[in-house]
Amino acid sequence: MPLLLLVGFLLVPGSHAAPRPNILVLFSDDHRADTIAALGNRHIRTPNLDRLVRGGTTFTRAYCMGSMHGAVCIPSRAMLMTGRSLFRIKENMQGQETWPEAFARAGYATFMTGKWHNGEPSVKRAFQQGRAVFIGGMGWPYELPVRDLIDGELVNGRMSAEHSVKVFADAASEFISGRAAEKREQPWLCYVAFNLPHDPRVAPDELRRRYKDSRMPLPKNFLPQHPIQIGDLVVRDELLERWPRTPDAVKRHLADYYASIEYVDAQVGRILEALDATGQRENTLIVFAGDSGLAIGSHGLFGKQSIYEHSMRVPLIFAGPGVPKNVRREAFSYLLDVYPTLGALAGVSAPDGSEGANLAGVMQGNVARVRDELFLAYSKTQRSLRDERWKLMRFPQIGVSYLFDLQNDPDETRNLAALPEHRERLAAMIARLESAQTSWADSLPLTATNLQPAEFVPPQGEEMERKIRNNKTR
């Protein structure tokens, strides 16, 4: 009976089963959770994502679990595709079944377009077909190498003649229209992986002109540089701007970022129009999510190589049949919960090894949460545990802890770890973090044997200029 309550659109007692829903997964790249107008950001225009927010359920505490290296999008996408957690995935997914394979086994036609950063063999196995598939992490969007996935092979190599985000939206829209034109009853799964707002953040000029640098909101937790060495503070994301970070530089980058997000939003709108035009909207479950957040000036950082909220929290919106409209849920969720939830709604059994939680009960308001706390990790340098109010950040290589009261300090600006009145809470949070590590198969000691200096000294002068020159993306 609970299954009927959750997915009543699939089966009504006394009637024939309704068609299985189509699945549309829209995945953006380096997309902060606080950059959607309908969720409170008055500085950005996102009319199509706003429609999804109003027409669906938004999880406002959704996270990427983390990464073991600077290319956070690789493990993030592997977790999404397999439903496995950070320390149990293989980043190339070798020997690990994906959720798209499970959907295909259940009778779905599966299709993908866009960025695939987990190696050629895995995309050939995960999807039955694809168009304009980019194998890699980043590139100039007007000259991006793409291929098509046909009969298990990547063929028709070419450079994108237009902006890659538009090319991906074209491919998805044509797939959706084609399925309708063929009048097939077989349900489909379409995965669209945009490569924005990841840098190089290039949007059409008319969009960029809408965002004046001087009007961009400087982050409340802006710093010229991060105060301590938390690891990977001089990797490629961080080399997009010089030290010390200045308000003008941060605002310029934010203007590029917001324009790129609005361009992604416009392409989402085109794909939704294809659904509407072909009459498939009412029977299509839609998900919009990002693979990680991004700093862009917050805490003196620019990238996603940290466990701060701005870098690990992502947008997550579900819409479509059976999903409550204009609802926001604060239940903790991970990206590895996305496909398990879609599988539950569509009646598709999980692949072996999937650990993600089914969020459908939370959507419907039948349960308040699927987990009581969140565990986050980055490389061997950062670990975190957060609950409804408190967040511990532990930096094992330098032996430093941060403790934040997120209820009163959501921007993580006041470290309480050294205050005597929080000594017991800090000890309890560390013990809970160690327990979470065991649960998630993480064996890193929370204090390194040989502690490193805590001070962060950024490169300066010619050394800084050389690193920045070597970091150019085109």
Protein backbone atom coordinates (compact mmCIF):
# COMPACT_ATOMS: atom_id res chain seq x y z
CA MET A 1 0.00 0.00 0.00
CA PRO A 2 2.75 2.60 0.72
CA LEU A 3 4.03 2.22 -2.84
CA LEU A 4 0.55 3.04 -4.14
CA LEU A 5 0.46 6.13 -1.97
CA LEU A 6 3.82 7.32 -3.27
CA VAL A 7 3.31 6.59 -6.93
CA GLY A 8 -0.42 6.51 -7.37
CA PHE A 9 -0.06 7.84 -10.88
CA LEU A 10 1.51 4.53 -11.89
CA LEU A 11 -1.23 2.24 -10.65
CA VAL A 12 -4.77 3.06 -9.56
CA PRO A 13 -6.64 0.24 -7.79
CA GLY A 14 -9.28 -1.22 -10.04
CA SER A 15 -7.79 0.22 -13.23
CA HIS A 16 -5.12 -0.63 -15.75
CA ALA A 17 -1.58 0.50 -15.02
CA ALA A 18 -0.78 3.94 -16.39
CA PRO A 19 2.23 4.30 -18.69
CA ARG A 20 5.53 4.41 -16.90
CA PRO A 21 6.84 7.97 -16.65
CA ASN A 22 9.62 9.22 -18.85
CA ILE A 23 12.71 10.49 -17.01
CA LEU A 24 14.56 13.74 -17.81
CA VAL A 25 17.68 14.46 -15.75
CA LEU A 26 19.22 17.92 -16.22
CA PHE A 27 22.67 18.20 -14.64
CA SER A 28 24.68 21.42 -14.45
CA ASP A 29 28.36 21.86 -13.65
CA ASP A 30 29.70 23.79 -10.60
CA HIS A 31 26.26 25.18 -9.77
CA ARG A 32 25.82 26.77 -6.34
CA ALA A 33 22.54 26.07 -4.59
CA ASP A 34 21.88 29.76 -3.92
CA THR A 35 21.75 30.89 -7.56
CA ILE A 36 18.06 30.37 -8.42
CA ALA A 37 15.78 33.40 -8.32
CA ALA A 38 12.72 31.53 -7.02
CA LEU A 39 14.79 30.32 -4.05
CA GLY A 40 15.66 33.82 -2.96
CA ASN A 41 18.47 35.17 -5.15
CA ARG A 42 17.20 38.54 -6.40
CA HIS A 43 20.35 39.25 -8.41
CA ILE A 44 19.90 36.48 -11.02
CA ARG A 45 17.32 35.63 -13.69
CA THR A 46 16.32 31.97 -13.92
CA PRO A 47 12.72 31.90 -15.23
CA ASN A 48 12.75 28.26 -16.30
CA LEU A 49 14.30 26.91 -13.12
CA ASP A 50 11.80 29.10 -11.27
CA ARG A 51 9.01 27.27 -13.12
CA LEU A 52 10.43 23.95 -11.98
CA VAL A 53 10.64 25.20 -8.38
CA ARG A 54 7.02 26.36 -8.47
CA GLY A 55 5.88 23.21 -10.25
CA GLY A 56 7.79 20.69 -8.15
CA THR A 57 9.62 19.85 -4.94
CA THR A 58 12.97 21.42 -4.08
CA PHE A 59 15.42 19.83 -1.65
CA THR A 60 17.17 22.80 -0.08
CA ARG A 61 19.81 20.73 1.72
CA ALA A 62 21.18 18.61 -1.12
CA TYR A 63 24.91 17.89 -1.29
CA CYS A 64 27.74 16.34 -3.20
CA MET A 65 29.45 14.06 -0.67
CA GLY A 66 32.91 15.23 -1.73
CA SER A 67 35.98 14.13 -3.63
CA MET A 68 39.45 12.67 -3.18
CA HIS A 69 41.02 15.17 -5.63
CA GLY A 70 40.47 18.54 -7.27
CA ALA A 71 38.28 17.30 -10.13
CA VAL A 72 35.21 17.03 -7.90
CA CYS A 73 32.90 16.44 -10.85
CA ILE A 74 34.38 12.97 -11.53
CA PRO A 75 33.37 11.29 -8.25
CA SER A 76 30.22 13.41 -8.10
CA ARG A 77 29.01 12.00 -11.41
CA ALA A 78 30.04 8.48 -10.48
CA MET A 79 27.99 8.76 -7.28
CA LEU A 80 25.01 10.07 -9.26
CA MET A 81 25.18 7.27 -11.81
CA THR A 82 25.75 4.34 -9.45
CA GLY A 83 24.01 5.48 -6.28
CA ARG A 84 27.18 4.52 -4.41
CA SER A 85 28.93 6.69 -1.84
CA LEU A 86 32.29 8.42 -2.12
CA PHE A 87 34.49 5.70 -0.61
CA ARG A 88 32.69 2.85 -2.39
CA ILE A 89 32.61 4.13 -5.95
CA LYS A 90 35.09 3.50 -8.70
CA GLU A 91 35.41 6.76 -10.59
CA ASN A 92 35.42 4.96 -13.94
CA MET A 93 32.57 2.77 -12.66
CA GLN A 94 34.40 -0.34 -13.86
CA GLY A 95 32.52 -3.39 -12.63
CA GLN A 96 29.79 -1.25 -11.08
CA GLU A 97 26.34 -1.22 -12.64
CA THR A 98 24.78 2.17 -13.26
CA TRP A 99 21.22 3.31 -12.76
CA PRO A 100 20.71 4.01 -16.51
CA GLU A 101 21.56 0.34 -17.09
CA ALA A 102 18.93 -0.61 -14.53
CA PHE A 103 16.37 1.55 -16.33
CA ALA A 104 17.30 -0.06 -19.65
CA ARG A 105 16.88 -3.50 -18.10
CA ALA A 106 13.42 -2.41 -16.95
CA GLY A 107 12.43 -1.54 -20.52
CA TYR A 108 13.49 2.10 -20.87
CA ALA A 109 15.20 3.61 -23.90
CA THR A 110 18.21 5.50 -22.55
CA PHE A 111 19.92 8.54 -24.08
CA MET A 112 22.56 11.04 -23.00
CA THR A 113 24.11 14.23 -24.25
CA GLY A 114 26.74 16.54 -22.80
CA LYS A 115 29.69 16.13 -20.49
CA TRP A 116 30.94 12.71 -19.44
CA HIS A 117 34.02 12.82 -17.22
CA ASN A 118 34.25 9.16 -16.24
CA GLY A 119 35.91 7.58 -19.27
CA GLU A 120 34.68 6.19 -22.59
CA PRO A 121 34.03 2.58 -21.51
CA SER A 122 31.54 3.61 -18.83
CA VAL A 123 29.41 5.81 -21.07
CA LYS A 124 29.26 3.08 -23.72
CA ARG A 125 27.94 0.72 -21.09
CA ALA A 126 25.66 3.12 -19.24
CA PHE A 127 23.57 4.41 -22.15
CA GLN A 128 22.09 2.84 -25.24
CA GLN A 129 22.50 5.95 -27.37
CA GLY A 130 23.78 9.50 -27.23
CA ARG A 131 24.43 12.56 -29.29
CA ALA A 132 26.99 15.34 -28.86
CA VAL A 133 28.81 13.53 -26.05
CA PHE A 134 31.85 15.35 -24.66
CA ILE A 135 34.39 13.04 -23.03
CA GLY A 136 36.39 15.20 -20.63
CA GLY A 137 36.25 17.77 -17.89
CA MET A 138 36.35 21.20 -19.50
CA GLY A 139 37.03 23.06 -22.72
CA TRP A 140 36.23 26.14 -24.75
CA PRO A 141 32.44 25.90 -25.27
CA TYR A 142 32.46 27.14 -28.85
CA GLU A 143 35.08 24.56 -29.88
CA LEU A 144 34.24 21.50 -27.81
CA PRO A 145 34.99 18.02 -29.23
CA VAL A 146 31.83 15.90 -29.28
CA ARG A 147 30.81 12.50 -30.63
CA ASP A 148 27.68 10.41 -30.92
CA LEU A 149 27.01 7.13 -29.15
CA ILE A 150 25.65 4.63 -31.66
CA ASP A 151 25.53 0.86 -31.22
CA GLY A 152 27.97 0.97 -28.31
CA GLU A 153 30.58 3.10 -30.07
CA LEU A 154 31.47 6.79 -30.00
CA VAL A 155 31.49 8.01 -33.60
CA ASN A 156 31.14 11.13 -35.77
CA GLY A 157 33.85 13.15 -34.02
CA ARG A 158 33.52 16.88 -34.58
CA MET A 159 33.85 20.28 -32.91
CA SER A 160 30.77 22.03 -31.62
CA ALA A 161 29.91 24.71 -34.18
CA GLU A 162 27.84 26.61 -31.61
CA HIS A 163 28.00 27.05 -27.86
CA SER A 164 28.14 23.55 -26.37
CA VAL A 165 25.29 24.21 -23.93
CA LYS A 166 23.00 24.98 -26.87
CA VAL A 167 24.30 21.93 -28.76
CA PHE A 168 23.41 19.69 -25.81
CA ALA A 169 19.94 21.24 -25.54
CA ASP A 170 19.45 20.72 -29.28
CA ALA A 171 20.34 17.05 -28.94
CA ALA A 172 17.99 16.51 -26.01
CA SER A 173 15.13 18.38 -27.66
CA GLU A 174 15.50 16.40 -30.86
CA PHE A 175 15.56 13.13 -28.94
CA ILE A 176 12.37 14.09 -27.09
CA SER A 177 10.65 15.21 -30.30
CA GLY A 178 11.78 12.08 -32.10
CA ARG A 179 10.32 9.79 -29.48
CA ALA A 180 6.97 11.54 -29.84
CA ALA A 181 7.06 11.45 -33.65
CA GLU A 182 7.71 7.71 -33.62
CA LYS A 183 4.69 7.30 -31.30
CA ARG A 184 6.50 4.67 -29.26
CA GLU A 185 4.93 3.52 -26.03
CA GLN A 186 8.32 2.59 -24.60
CA PRO A 187 9.31 5.03 -21.81
CA TRP A 188 12.62 6.84 -22.08
CA LEU A 189 15.37 8.24 -19.87
CA CYS A 190 17.22 11.32 -21.14
CA TYR A 191 20.31 12.60 -19.28
CA VAL A 192 21.57 16.09 -20.19
CA ALA A 193 24.91 17.12 -18.66
CA PHE A 194 25.64 20.80 -19.26
CA ASN A 195 29.23 22.04 -18.98
CA LEU A 196 28.26 25.42 -17.51
CA PRO A 197 28.56 27.31 -15.24
CA HIS A 198 31.97 25.56 -15.00
CA ASP A 199 34.74 27.79 -16.33
CA PRO A 200 35.54 28.99 -18.88
CA ARG A 201 32.30 30.83 -18.12
CA VAL A 202 31.27 32.11 -21.52
CA ALA A 203 27.71 33.25 -22.17
CA PRO A 204 26.36 35.18 -25.17
CA ASP A 205 27.15 38.87 -24.97
CA GLU A 206 23.53 39.95 -24.59
CA LEU A 207 23.28 37.90 -21.40
CA ARG A 208 26.61 39.05 -20.00
CA ARG A 209 25.61 42.69 -20.50
CA ARG A 210 22.65 42.18 -18.16
CA TYR A 211 24.99 41.57 -15.24
CA LYS A 212 26.91 44.69 -14.27
CA ASP A 213 30.01 43.89 -12.25
CA SER A 214 29.36 46.73 -9.82
CA ARG A 215 25.90 45.38 -8.96
CA MET A 216 27.00 41.88 -8.07
CA PRO A 217 26.54 40.97 -4.39
CA LEU A 218 29.83 40.43 -2.61
CA PRO A 219 29.54 37.20 -0.57
CA LYS A 220 28.86 37.76 3.14
CA ASN A 221 31.79 35.43 3.87
CA PHE A 222 34.19 37.15 1.44
CA LEU A 223 37.86 37.04 2.44
CA PRO A 224 41.01 38.17 0.57
CA GLN A 225 42.49 34.72 1.20
CA HIS A 226 41.73 31.65 3.26
CA PRO A 227 43.34 31.94 6.71
CA ILE A 228 44.73 28.39 7.02
CA GLN A 229 46.10 25.67 4.75
CA ILE A 230 43.24 23.24 4.18
CA GLY A 231 44.81 21.56 1.14
CA ASP A 232 44.66 22.22 -2.61
CA LEU A 233 44.49 25.98 -2.26
CA VAL A 234 46.64 26.49 -5.36
CA VAL A 235 44.88 24.15 -7.80
CA ARG A 236 43.39 25.25 -11.11
CA ASP A 237 40.10 26.72 -9.82
CA GLU A 238 41.99 28.80 -7.30
CA LEU A 239 44.35 30.07 -10.00
CA LEU A 240 41.55 31.84 -11.83
CA GLU A 241 42.30 34.95 -9.76
CA ARG A 242 45.26 36.47 -7.94
CA TRP A 243 45.86 36.86 -4.21
CA PRO A 244 44.71 38.78 -2.33
CA ARG A 245 41.21 38.39 -3.77
CA THR A 246 39.64 41.80 -4.31
CA PRO A 247 35.96 42.77 -4.24
CA ASP A 248 36.15 43.99 -7.84
CA ALA A 249 37.64 40.70 -9.07
CA VAL A 250 35.05 38.63 -7.21
CA LYS A 251 32.20 40.72 -8.61
CA ARG A 252 33.55 40.31 -12.15
CA HIS A 253 33.69 36.54 -11.77
CA LEU A 254 30.20 36.49 -10.25
CA ALA A 255 28.84 38.43 -13.23
CA ASP A 256 30.34 35.80 -15.58
CA TYR A 257 28.91 33.08 -13.36
CA TYR A 258 25.39 34.48 -13.20
CA ALA A 259 25.29 35.08 -16.96
CA SER A 260 26.38 31.48 -17.54
CA ILE A 261 23.66 30.19 -15.23
CA GLU A 262 21.04 32.26 -17.04
CA TYR A 263 22.24 30.72 -20.31
CA VAL A 264 21.87 27.22 -18.86
CA ASP A 265 18.40 28.25 -17.69
CA ALA A 266 17.47 29.31 -21.23
CA GLN A 267 18.52 25.92 -22.61
CA VAL A 268 16.55 24.15 -19.88
CA GLY A 269 13.58 26.17 -21.11
CA ARG A 270 14.08 24.96 -24.68
CA ILE A 271 14.11 21.34 -23.54
CA LEU A 272 10.95 21.86 -21.49
CA GLU A 273 9.33 23.45 -24.54
CA ALA A 274 10.06 20.27 -26.49
CA LEU A 275 8.26 18.28 -23.80
CA ASP A 276 5.29 20.64 -23.92
CA ALA A 277 5.15 20.74 -27.72
CA THR A 278 5.05 16.95 -27.97
CA GLY A 279 2.53 16.42 -25.20
CA GLN A 280 4.98 14.46 -23.04
CA ARG A 281 5.30 16.88 -20.13
CA GLU A 282 2.51 15.36 -18.04
CA ASN A 283 4.14 11.93 -18.08
CA THR A 284 7.76 12.98 -17.56
CA LEU A 285 9.58 13.11 -14.25
CA ILE A 286 12.11 15.95 -14.35
CA VAL A 287 15.17 16.45 -12.16
CA PHE A 288 17.46 19.46 -12.12
CA ALA A 289 20.66 19.22 -10.08
CA GLY A 290 24.25 20.43 -10.01
CA ASP A 291 27.34 18.29 -9.53
CA SER A 292 28.97 20.58 -6.93
CA GLY A 293 28.87 24.12 -5.67
CA LEU A 294 31.58 26.77 -6.02
CA ALA A 295 33.22 29.43 -3.85
CA ILE A 296 33.89 32.47 -6.09
CA GLY A 297 35.21 34.65 -3.30
CA SER A 298 33.58 32.96 -0.33
CA HIS A 299 36.19 32.35 2.41
CA GLY A 300 38.86 33.62 0.02
CA LEU A 301 38.33 30.61 -2.25
CA PHE A 302 37.29 30.28 -5.88
CA GLY A 303 36.78 26.56 -6.45
CA LYS A 304 34.86 23.58 -5.09
CA GLN A 305 37.77 21.85 -3.38
CA SER A 306 36.41 22.34 0.12
CA ILE A 307 33.65 21.11 2.41
CA TYR A 308 32.16 24.54 3.04
CA GLU A 309 28.44 24.84 2.32
CA HIS A 310 29.00 26.97 -0.78
CA SER A 311 31.14 24.28 -2.41
CA MET A 312 29.27 21.08 -1.51
CA ARG A 313 25.62 22.18 -1.46
CA VAL A 314 23.82 21.88 -4.80
CA PRO A 315 20.41 22.64 -6.29
CA LEU A 316 18.05 19.65 -6.44
CA ILE A 317 14.54 19.97 -7.89
CA PHE A 318 12.06 17.22 -8.78
CA ALA A 319 8.96 17.91 -10.89
CA GLY A 320 6.39 15.88 -12.77
CA PRO A 321 3.63 13.37 -12.12
CA GLY A 322 3.17 12.50 -8.48
CA VAL A 323 5.55 15.21 -7.24
CA PRO A 324 3.99 17.87 -4.99
CA LYS A 325 4.11 21.39 -6.46
CA ASN A 326 5.75 24.47 -4.98
CA VAL A 327 7.09 22.49 -2.02
CA ARG A 328 10.46 22.85 -0.33
CA ARG A 329 11.97 20.14 1.85
CA GLU A 330 14.89 20.64 4.23
CA ALA A 331 15.66 16.93 4.61
CA PHE A 332 19.33 16.12 4.06
CA SER A 333 20.01 14.51 0.69
CA TYR A 334 22.95 13.52 -1.48
CA LEU A 335 23.25 13.37 -5.26
CA LEU A 336 23.47 9.60 -4.90
CA ASP A 337 19.79 9.73 -3.82
CA VAL A 338 18.56 11.07 -7.17
CA TYR A 339 18.27 7.88 -9.20
CA PRO A 340 17.07 5.72 -6.29
CA THR A 341 14.20 8.19 -5.94
CA LEU A 342 13.43 8.09 -9.65
CA GLY A 343 13.66 4.31 -9.57
CA ALA A 344 11.12 4.16 -6.76
CA LEU A 345 8.75 6.49 -8.60
CA ALA A 346 9.09 4.56 -11.87
CA GLY A 347 9.11 1.05 -10.41
CA VAL A 348 12.72 0.31 -11.44
CA SER A 349 14.81 -1.96 -9.21
CA ALA A 350 18.17 -0.67 -7.99
CA PRO A 351 21.45 -1.87 -9.48
CA ASP A 352 23.75 -3.87 -7.23
CA GLY A 353 25.63 -1.69 -4.76
CA SER A 354 23.30 1.31 -4.81
CA GLU A 355 23.28 2.98 -1.37
CA GLY A 356 21.21 6.08 -2.07
CA ALA A 357 18.01 6.84 -0.22
CA ASN A 358 14.52 7.06 -1.72
CA LEU A 359 13.33 10.64 -1.19
CA ALA A 360 9.78 10.05 -2.43
CA GLY A 361 8.36 9.75 1.08
CA VAL A 362 9.93 13.08 2.00
CA MET A 363 8.45 14.65 -1.13
CA GLN A 364 4.98 13.48 -0.19
CA GLY A 365 5.37 14.60 3.41
CA ASN A 366 4.99 11.04 4.70
CA VAL A 367 8.40 11.10 6.41
CA ALA A 368 10.44 14.06 7.66
CA ARG A 369 13.89 12.82 6.70
CA VAL A 370 15.92 9.87 5.41
CA ARG A 371 19.07 10.70 7.43
CA ASP A 372 19.85 12.71 10.56
CA GLU A 373 23.28 14.03 9.57
CA LEU A 374 25.60 14.57 6.63
CA PHE A 375 29.18 13.40 6.18
CA LEU A 376 31.44 15.30 3.77
CA ALA A 377 35.03 14.66 2.73
CA TYR A 378 37.73 16.16 0.56
CA SER A 379 41.05 14.46 -0.19
CA LYS A 380 43.02 13.58 2.94
CA THR A 381 42.80 17.16 4.14
CA GLN A 382 39.16 17.79 5.11
CA ARG A 383 36.33 15.93 6.84
CA SER A 384 33.00 17.24 8.06
CA LEU A 385 29.85 16.26 9.88
CA ARG A 386 26.76 18.44 10.11
CA ASP A 387 23.36 18.05 11.69
CA GLU A 388 20.34 20.33 11.78
CA ARG A 389 22.29 23.06 13.56
CA TRP A 390 25.97 22.30 14.11
CA LYS A 391 28.75 21.68 11.62
CA LEU A 392 32.20 20.32 12.41
CA MET A 393 35.02 20.75 9.91
CA ARG A 394 38.20 18.84 10.70
CA PHE A 395 41.53 19.37 8.91
CA PRO A 396 43.66 16.31 9.82
CA GLN A 397 46.91 17.39 8.17
CA ILE A 398 47.18 20.52 10.32
CA GLY A 399 45.25 19.28 13.38
CA VAL A 400 42.69 22.10 13.30
CA SER A 401 38.92 21.98 13.86
CA TYR A 402 36.21 24.47 12.91
CA LEU A 403 32.80 24.43 14.57
CA PHE A 404 29.91 26.46 13.17
CA ASP A 405 26.42 27.15 14.44
CA LEU A 406 24.62 27.08 11.09
CA GLN A 407 21.35 28.16 12.64
CA ASN A 408 22.84 31.53 13.61
CA ASP A 409 25.78 31.60 11.20
CA PRO A 410 24.72 30.01 7.86
CA ASP A 411 27.66 31.62 6.05
CA GLU A 412 30.21 29.86 8.29
CA THR A 413 32.01 33.00 9.44
CA ARG A 414 32.52 32.42 13.19
CA ASN A 415 34.58 29.44 14.31
CA LEU A 416 33.44 28.36 17.80
CA ALA A 417 35.84 25.43 18.23
CA ALA A 418 38.22 27.21 20.61
CA LEU A 419 35.55 28.61 22.92
CA PRO A 420 35.40 26.88 26.35
CA GLU A 421 31.60 26.73 26.32
CA HIS A 422 31.72 24.55 23.19
CA ARG A 423 34.45 22.14 24.35
CA GLU A 424 32.04 19.28 25.10
CA ARG A 425 30.09 19.82 21.91
CA LEU A 426 33.29 19.77 19.87
CA ALA A 427 34.38 16.48 21.45
CA ALA A 428 30.97 14.95 20.83
CA MET A 429 30.97 16.09 17.19
CA ILE A 430 34.44 14.60 16.64
CA ALA A 431 33.25 11.29 18.06
CA ARG A 432 30.22 11.37 15.75
CA LEU A 433 32.46 12.18 12.80
CA GLU A 434 34.63 9.14 13.56
CA SER A 435 31.50 6.99 13.70
CA ALA A 436 30.31 8.39 10.37
CA GLN A 437 33.70 7.63 8.83
CA THR A 438 33.27 3.97 9.79
CA SER A 439 29.75 3.90 8.33
CA TRP A 440 30.92 5.39 5.02
CA ALA A 441 34.12 3.26 4.76
CA ASP A 442 36.54 6.13 5.36
CA SER A 443 39.70 5.12 7.25
CA LEU A 444 41.51 8.47 7.43
CA PRO A 445 42.79 9.37 10.94
CA LEU A 446 41.41 12.73 12.04
CA THR A 447 44.87 13.77 13.18
CA ALA A 448 47.87 13.12 10.93
CA THR A 449 51.02 11.57 12.36
CA ASN A 450 53.21 14.38 11.06
CA LEU A 451 51.30 17.65 11.29
CA GLN A 452 51.95 20.31 8.66
CA PRO A 453 52.10 24.10 9.21
CA ALA A 454 48.63 25.62 9.43
CA GLU A 455 49.43 28.97 7.84
CA PHE A 456 48.52 29.38 4.16
CA VAL A 457 51.08 31.37 2.17
CA PRO A 458 49.81 31.96 -1.38
CA PRO A 459 52.21 32.37 -4.29
CA GLN A 460 53.17 35.94 -5.09
CA GLY A 461 54.99 37.90 -7.76
CA GLU A 462 56.45 36.00 -10.69
CA GLU A 463 55.58 32.63 -9.15
CA MET A 464 51.91 33.59 -9.02
CA GLU A 465 51.93 35.01 -12.55
CA ARG A 466 53.60 31.85 -13.89
CA LYS A 467 51.02 29.59 -12.26
CA ILE A 468 48.17 31.69 -13.60
CA ARG A 469 49.62 31.70 -17.13
CA ASN A 470 50.00 27.92 -17.05
CA ASN A 471 46.37 27.61 -15.95
CA LYS A 472 44.85 29.20 -19.06
CA THR A 473 42.04 27.13 -20.56
CA ARG A 474 42.42 28.35 -24.13
